Amino acid sequence: MNLRDKILSQPTPTMDKVHVKAWNVDVFIKPLTIKEHEEWESLAFSKNGKRSENVSLKASLVIACAHDESGTKIFTNDDIGSLSELYAEPINKLFAKCSELNGLTDNDVKELEGN
């Protein structure tokens, strides 16, 4: 198998289960594909690279990554306002796992939030 084939035949990453005590549910966090990551960026940021004013960075990443046990997305982009109104602790917990699985460091998040 050549290098290209080896790279392109990689299995889909597994989802990580996160128990959200405040909601008494398990949420499964899936790493984003590059396409999904770019879709998240287009929601969270305007064309000039600045954060979209009415879009929560944390809620938007949770929307992109959160799935049920069968792999079905839990939320849609239409849920951004509702998620943004929830208490911070559960969203922060899910956002931390989303960040970890997608290689976003604390410095990356600070830089993104500062835009």
N, C-alpha and C. Protein backbone atom coordinates (compact mmCIF):
# COMPACT_ATOMS: atom_id res chain seq x y z
N MET A 1 0.85 -1.17 0.00
CA MET A 1 0.00 0.00 0.00
C MET A 1 0.90 1.24 0.00
N ASN A 2 0.63 2.16 -0.93
CA ASN A 2 1.45 3.37 -0.98
C ASN A 2 0.96 4.36 0.08
N LEU A 3 1.73 5.40 0.28
CA LEU A 3 1.46 6.35 1.35
C LEU A 3 0.09 7.02 1.18
N ARG A 4 -0.24 7.42 -0.05
CA ARG A 4 -1.52 8.05 -0.32
C ARG A 4 -2.67 7.14 0.11
N ASP A 5 -2.63 5.90 -0.34
CA ASP A 5 -3.69 4.95 -0.01
C ASP A 5 -3.77 4.71 1.50
N LYS A 6 -2.62 4.66 2.14
CA LYS A 6 -2.60 4.45 3.59
C LYS A 6 -3.29 5.60 4.31
N ILE A 7 -2.99 6.83 3.89
CA ILE A 7 -3.59 8.02 4.51
C ILE A 7 -5.10 8.05 4.25
N LEU A 8 -5.50 7.83 3.01
CA LEU A 8 -6.91 7.95 2.65
C LEU A 8 -7.77 6.80 3.16
N SER A 9 -7.15 5.72 3.58
CA SER A 9 -7.93 4.57 4.07
C SER A 9 -8.03 4.53 5.59
N GLN A 10 -7.63 5.60 6.25
CA GLN A 10 -7.69 5.63 7.71
C GLN A 10 -9.12 5.50 8.20
N PRO A 11 -9.34 4.76 9.27
CA PRO A 11 -10.69 4.61 9.80
C PRO A 11 -11.21 5.91 10.40
N THR A 12 -12.51 6.02 10.46
CA THR A 12 -13.14 7.18 11.09
C THR A 12 -12.81 7.15 12.58
N PRO A 13 -12.39 8.27 13.14
CA PRO A 13 -12.09 8.30 14.57
C PRO A 13 -13.33 7.97 15.40
N THR A 14 -13.10 7.38 16.54
CA THR A 14 -14.21 7.07 17.43
C THR A 14 -14.66 8.32 18.16
N MET A 15 -15.88 8.27 18.66
CA MET A 15 -16.42 9.38 19.43
C MET A 15 -16.08 9.15 20.90
N ASP A 16 -15.90 10.25 21.63
CA ASP A 16 -15.66 10.18 23.07
C ASP A 16 -16.95 10.50 23.82
N LYS A 17 -17.30 9.64 24.77
CA LYS A 17 -18.51 9.85 25.56
C LYS A 17 -18.20 10.82 26.70
N VAL A 18 -19.07 11.81 26.85
CA VAL A 18 -18.96 12.79 27.93
C VAL A 18 -20.28 12.76 28.70
N HIS A 19 -20.21 12.43 29.97
CA HIS A 19 -21.42 12.48 30.78
C HIS A 19 -21.61 13.91 31.29
N VAL A 20 -22.77 14.47 31.00
CA VAL A 20 -23.09 15.82 31.45
C VAL A 20 -24.04 15.67 32.64
N LYS A 21 -23.46 15.78 33.81
CA LYS A 21 -24.21 15.56 35.05
C LYS A 21 -25.39 16.52 35.18
N ALA A 22 -25.19 17.76 34.80
CA ALA A 22 -26.24 18.78 34.94
C ALA A 22 -27.49 18.41 34.14
N TRP A 23 -27.31 17.68 33.05
CA TRP A 23 -28.45 17.29 32.21
C TRP A 23 -28.79 15.81 32.38
N ASN A 24 -27.95 15.08 33.10
CA ASN A 24 -28.08 13.63 33.27
C ASN A 24 -28.17 12.90 31.93
N VAL A 25 -27.25 13.25 31.03
CA VAL A 25 -27.20 12.61 29.71
C VAL A 25 -25.74 12.35 29.32
N ASP A 26 -25.56 11.42 28.40
CA ASP A 26 -24.27 11.20 27.78
C ASP A 26 -24.30 11.82 26.40
N VAL A 27 -23.28 12.60 26.10
CA VAL A 27 -23.13 13.22 24.78
C VAL A 27 -21.86 12.64 24.18
N PHE A 28 -21.90 12.33 22.91
CA PHE A 28 -20.75 11.75 22.23
C PHE A 28 -20.13 12.81 21.34
N ILE A 29 -18.86 13.07 21.58
CA ILE A 29 -18.14 14.13 20.86
C ILE A 29 -17.31 13.49 19.77
N LYS A 30 -17.51 13.96 18.54
CA LYS A 30 -16.83 13.41 17.37
C LYS A 30 -15.83 14.44 16.84
N PRO A 31 -14.62 13.99 16.54
CA PRO A 31 -13.68 14.90 15.89
C PRO A 31 -14.24 15.34 14.53
N LEU A 32 -13.96 16.57 14.16
CA LEU A 32 -14.45 17.10 12.89
C LEU A 32 -13.56 16.71 11.73
N THR A 33 -14.16 16.47 10.58
CA THR A 33 -13.40 16.35 9.35
C THR A 33 -12.95 17.77 8.97
N ILE A 34 -12.07 17.90 8.03
CA ILE A 34 -11.64 19.24 7.61
C ILE A 34 -12.82 20.00 7.02
N LYS A 35 -13.70 19.32 6.30
CA LYS A 35 -14.89 19.97 5.74
C LYS A 35 -15.79 20.49 6.87
N GLU A 36 -16.04 19.67 7.88
CA GLU A 36 -16.86 20.09 9.01
C GLU A 36 -16.21 21.23 9.78
N HIS A 37 -14.89 21.18 9.91
CA HIS A 37 -14.17 22.24 10.61
C HIS A 37 -14.31 23.57 9.87
N GLU A 38 -14.20 23.53 8.56
CA GLU A 38 -14.35 24.74 7.77
C GLU A 38 -15.79 25.27 7.82
N GLU A 39 -16.78 24.37 7.88
CA GLU A 39 -18.17 24.81 8.03
C GLU A 39 -18.37 25.50 9.38
N TRP A 40 -17.74 24.94 10.44
CA TRP A 40 -17.82 25.58 11.76
C TRP A 40 -17.17 26.96 11.70
N GLU A 41 -15.99 27.06 11.09
CA GLU A 41 -15.32 28.35 10.99
C GLU A 41 -16.17 29.37 10.25
N SER A 42 -16.87 28.94 9.19
CA SER A 42 -17.68 29.89 8.43
C SER A 42 -18.89 30.37 9.23
N LEU A 43 -19.36 29.54 10.18
CA LEU A 43 -20.45 29.96 11.06
C LEU A 43 -19.94 30.92 12.14
N ALA A 44 -18.80 30.58 12.71
CA ALA A 44 -18.29 31.32 13.87
C ALA A 44 -17.54 32.60 13.51
N PHE A 45 -17.08 32.70 12.27
CA PHE A 45 -16.26 33.84 11.87
C PHE A 45 -16.78 34.46 10.58
N SER A 46 -16.66 35.78 10.49
CA SER A 46 -17.05 36.48 9.27
C SER A 46 -15.94 36.32 8.23
N LYS A 47 -16.21 36.81 7.04
CA LYS A 47 -15.25 36.66 5.94
C LYS A 47 -13.93 37.37 6.19
N ASN A 48 -13.93 38.40 7.05
CA ASN A 48 -12.69 39.11 7.34
C ASN A 48 -11.90 38.47 8.49
N GLY A 49 -12.39 37.29 8.97
CA GLY A 49 -11.68 36.57 10.01
C GLY A 49 -12.03 36.97 11.43
N LYS A 50 -12.93 37.92 11.58
CA LYS A 50 -13.37 38.35 12.90
C LYS A 50 -14.51 37.45 13.37
N ARG A 51 -14.62 37.28 14.69
CA ARG A 51 -15.71 36.48 15.24
C ARG A 51 -17.04 37.09 14.87
N SER A 52 -17.98 36.25 14.48
CA SER A 52 -19.33 36.71 14.22
C SER A 52 -19.92 37.17 15.55
N GLU A 53 -20.47 38.37 15.56
CA GLU A 53 -20.92 38.98 16.81
C GLU A 53 -22.04 38.22 17.51
N ASN A 54 -22.95 37.63 16.76
CA ASN A 54 -24.12 36.99 17.35
C ASN A 54 -24.00 35.48 17.44
N VAL A 55 -22.78 34.96 17.32
CA VAL A 55 -22.57 33.51 17.35
C VAL A 55 -21.60 33.17 18.47
N SER A 56 -22.05 32.33 19.37
CA SER A 56 -21.19 31.86 20.46
C SER A 56 -20.17 30.87 19.91
N LEU A 57 -18.91 31.16 20.13
CA LEU A 57 -17.83 30.27 19.69
C LEU A 57 -18.00 28.89 20.32
N LYS A 58 -18.28 28.86 21.62
CA LYS A 58 -18.40 27.58 22.32
C LYS A 58 -19.63 26.81 21.86
N ALA A 59 -20.77 27.47 21.82
CA ALA A 59 -21.99 26.78 21.40
C ALA A 59 -21.88 26.28 19.97
N SER A 60 -21.26 27.05 19.09
CA SER A 60 -21.15 26.64 17.69
C SER A 60 -20.26 25.41 17.53
N LEU A 61 -19.19 25.31 18.34
CA LEU A 61 -18.33 24.12 18.24
C LEU A 61 -19.04 22.91 18.83
N VAL A 62 -19.77 23.09 19.91
CA VAL A 62 -20.55 21.98 20.48
C VAL A 62 -21.58 21.49 19.46
N ILE A 63 -22.24 22.40 18.79
CA ILE A 63 -23.20 22.01 17.75
C ILE A 63 -22.53 21.15 16.69
N ALA A 64 -21.33 21.54 16.29
CA ALA A 64 -20.62 20.81 15.23
C ALA A 64 -20.17 19.42 15.68
N CYS A 65 -19.88 19.24 16.96
CA CYS A 65 -19.25 18.00 17.44
C CYS A 65 -20.17 17.05 18.19
N ALA A 66 -21.29 17.51 18.73
CA ALA A 66 -22.12 16.71 19.63
C ALA A 66 -23.04 15.76 18.86
N HIS A 67 -22.97 14.48 19.24
CA HIS A 67 -23.78 13.43 18.61
C HIS A 67 -24.40 12.55 19.68
N ASP A 68 -25.42 11.80 19.28
CA ASP A 68 -25.95 10.79 20.19
C ASP A 68 -25.14 9.51 20.01
N GLU A 69 -25.50 8.48 20.74
CA GLU A 69 -24.73 7.24 20.73
C GLU A 69 -24.66 6.59 19.35
N SER A 70 -25.67 6.81 18.52
CA SER A 70 -25.69 6.20 17.19
C SER A 70 -24.92 7.02 16.16
N GLY A 71 -24.42 8.20 16.57
CA GLY A 71 -23.64 9.03 15.65
C GLY A 71 -24.45 10.12 14.96
N THR A 72 -25.70 10.28 15.36
CA THR A 72 -26.55 11.32 14.78
C THR A 72 -26.30 12.64 15.52
N LYS A 73 -26.13 13.71 14.74
CA LYS A 73 -25.94 15.02 15.37
C LYS A 73 -27.13 15.36 16.25
N ILE A 74 -26.84 15.93 17.40
CA ILE A 74 -27.90 16.30 18.34
C ILE A 74 -28.51 17.64 17.97
N PHE A 75 -27.67 18.58 17.60
CA PHE A 75 -28.10 19.96 17.37
C PHE A 75 -27.89 20.37 15.92
N THR A 76 -28.58 21.42 15.52
CA THR A 76 -28.35 22.07 14.23
C THR A 76 -27.93 23.51 14.50
N ASN A 77 -27.51 24.19 13.48
CA ASN A 77 -27.13 25.59 13.64
C ASN A 77 -28.29 26.46 14.12
N ASP A 78 -29.51 25.99 13.91
CA ASP A 78 -30.69 26.73 14.40
C ASP A 78 -30.76 26.74 15.92
N ASP A 79 -30.01 25.86 16.58
CA ASP A 79 -30.01 25.77 18.04
C ASP A 79 -29.00 26.70 18.71
N ILE A 80 -28.28 27.49 17.94
CA ILE A 80 -27.20 28.31 18.51
C ILE A 80 -27.71 29.26 19.58
N GLY A 81 -28.83 29.89 19.35
CA GLY A 81 -29.39 30.82 20.34
C GLY A 81 -29.81 30.11 21.61
N SER A 82 -30.46 28.97 21.46
CA SER A 82 -30.91 28.20 22.62
C SER A 82 -29.74 27.69 23.45
N LEU A 83 -28.73 27.16 22.79
CA LEU A 83 -27.54 26.68 23.52
C LEU A 83 -26.82 27.82 24.21
N SER A 84 -26.79 28.96 23.58
CA SER A 84 -26.10 30.13 24.15
C SER A 84 -26.77 30.62 25.42
N GLU A 85 -28.03 30.28 25.63
CA GLU A 85 -28.77 30.70 26.81
C GLU A 85 -28.67 29.71 27.97
N LEU A 86 -28.05 28.55 27.74
CA LEU A 86 -27.91 27.55 28.80
C LEU A 86 -26.78 27.93 29.75
N TYR A 87 -26.80 27.34 30.93
CA TYR A 87 -25.72 27.58 31.89
C TYR A 87 -24.39 27.16 31.30
N ALA A 88 -23.34 27.84 31.71
CA ALA A 88 -22.02 27.68 31.10
C ALA A 88 -21.36 26.34 31.38
N GLU A 89 -21.52 25.79 32.59
CA GLU A 89 -20.74 24.60 32.97
C GLU A 89 -20.89 23.43 31.99
N PRO A 90 -22.12 23.02 31.63
CA PRO A 90 -22.22 21.89 30.70
C PRO A 90 -21.64 22.21 29.32
N ILE A 91 -21.89 23.41 28.83
CA ILE A 91 -21.37 23.80 27.52
C ILE A 91 -19.85 23.87 27.56
N ASN A 92 -19.29 24.43 28.65
CA ASN A 92 -17.83 24.49 28.78
C ASN A 92 -17.21 23.09 28.80
N LYS A 93 -17.87 22.16 29.47
CA LYS A 93 -17.37 20.78 29.54
C LYS A 93 -17.34 20.15 28.15
N LEU A 94 -18.41 20.31 27.39
CA LEU A 94 -18.47 19.77 26.04
C LEU A 94 -17.49 20.49 25.12
N PHE A 95 -17.40 21.81 25.27
CA PHE A 95 -16.47 22.59 24.45
C PHE A 95 -15.02 22.14 24.69
N ALA A 96 -14.68 21.86 25.95
CA ALA A 96 -13.32 21.41 26.27
C ALA A 96 -13.00 20.10 25.56
N LYS A 97 -13.95 19.17 25.53
CA LYS A 97 -13.71 17.90 24.84
C LYS A 97 -13.64 18.11 23.33
N CYS A 98 -14.51 18.97 22.79
CA CYS A 98 -14.47 19.30 21.36
C CYS A 98 -13.11 19.89 20.99
N SER A 99 -12.63 20.80 21.81
CA SER A 99 -11.34 21.44 21.56
C SER A 99 -10.21 20.41 21.58
N GLU A 100 -10.23 19.55 22.59
CA GLU A 100 -9.20 18.52 22.72
C GLU A 100 -9.16 17.61 21.49
N LEU A 101 -10.32 17.12 21.07
CA LEU A 101 -10.37 16.17 19.96
C LEU A 101 -10.06 16.81 18.61
N ASN A 102 -10.17 18.13 18.54
CA ASN A 102 -9.91 18.83 17.28
C ASN A 102 -8.62 19.63 17.29
N GLY A 103 -7.79 19.39 18.31
CA GLY A 103 -6.47 20.00 18.35
C GLY A 103 -6.46 21.49 18.62
N LEU A 104 -7.51 22.01 19.25
CA LEU A 104 -7.53 23.43 19.61
C LEU A 104 -6.91 23.58 20.99
N THR A 105 -5.82 24.31 21.07
CA THR A 105 -5.16 24.53 22.35
C THR A 105 -5.81 25.70 23.08
N ASP A 106 -5.46 25.87 24.35
CA ASP A 106 -5.96 27.02 25.10
C ASP A 106 -5.58 28.32 24.42
N ASN A 107 -4.35 28.38 23.90
CA ASN A 107 -3.90 29.58 23.19
C ASN A 107 -4.72 29.84 21.92
N ASP A 108 -5.05 28.74 21.20
CA ASP A 108 -5.89 28.89 20.01
C ASP A 108 -7.23 29.49 20.38
N VAL A 109 -7.83 28.96 21.45
CA VAL A 109 -9.15 29.42 21.88
C VAL A 109 -9.08 30.89 22.30
N LYS A 110 -8.06 31.26 23.06
CA LYS A 110 -7.91 32.67 23.47
C LYS A 110 -7.78 33.58 22.26
N GLU A 111 -7.00 33.13 21.28
CA GLU A 111 -6.82 33.92 20.06
C GLU A 111 -8.15 34.04 19.29
N LEU A 112 -8.88 32.93 19.20
CA LEU A 112 -10.16 32.96 18.50
C LEU A 112 -11.16 33.85 19.22
N GLU A 113 -11.19 33.77 20.53
CA GLU A 113 -12.13 34.59 21.30
C GLU A 113 -11.77 36.07 21.24
N GLY A 114 -10.51 36.37 21.00
CA GLY A 114 -10.06 37.75 20.94
C GLY A 114 -10.29 38.42 19.62
N ASN A 115 -10.62 37.66 18.58
CA ASN A 115 -10.85 38.25 17.26
C ASN A 115 -12.04 39.13 17.24
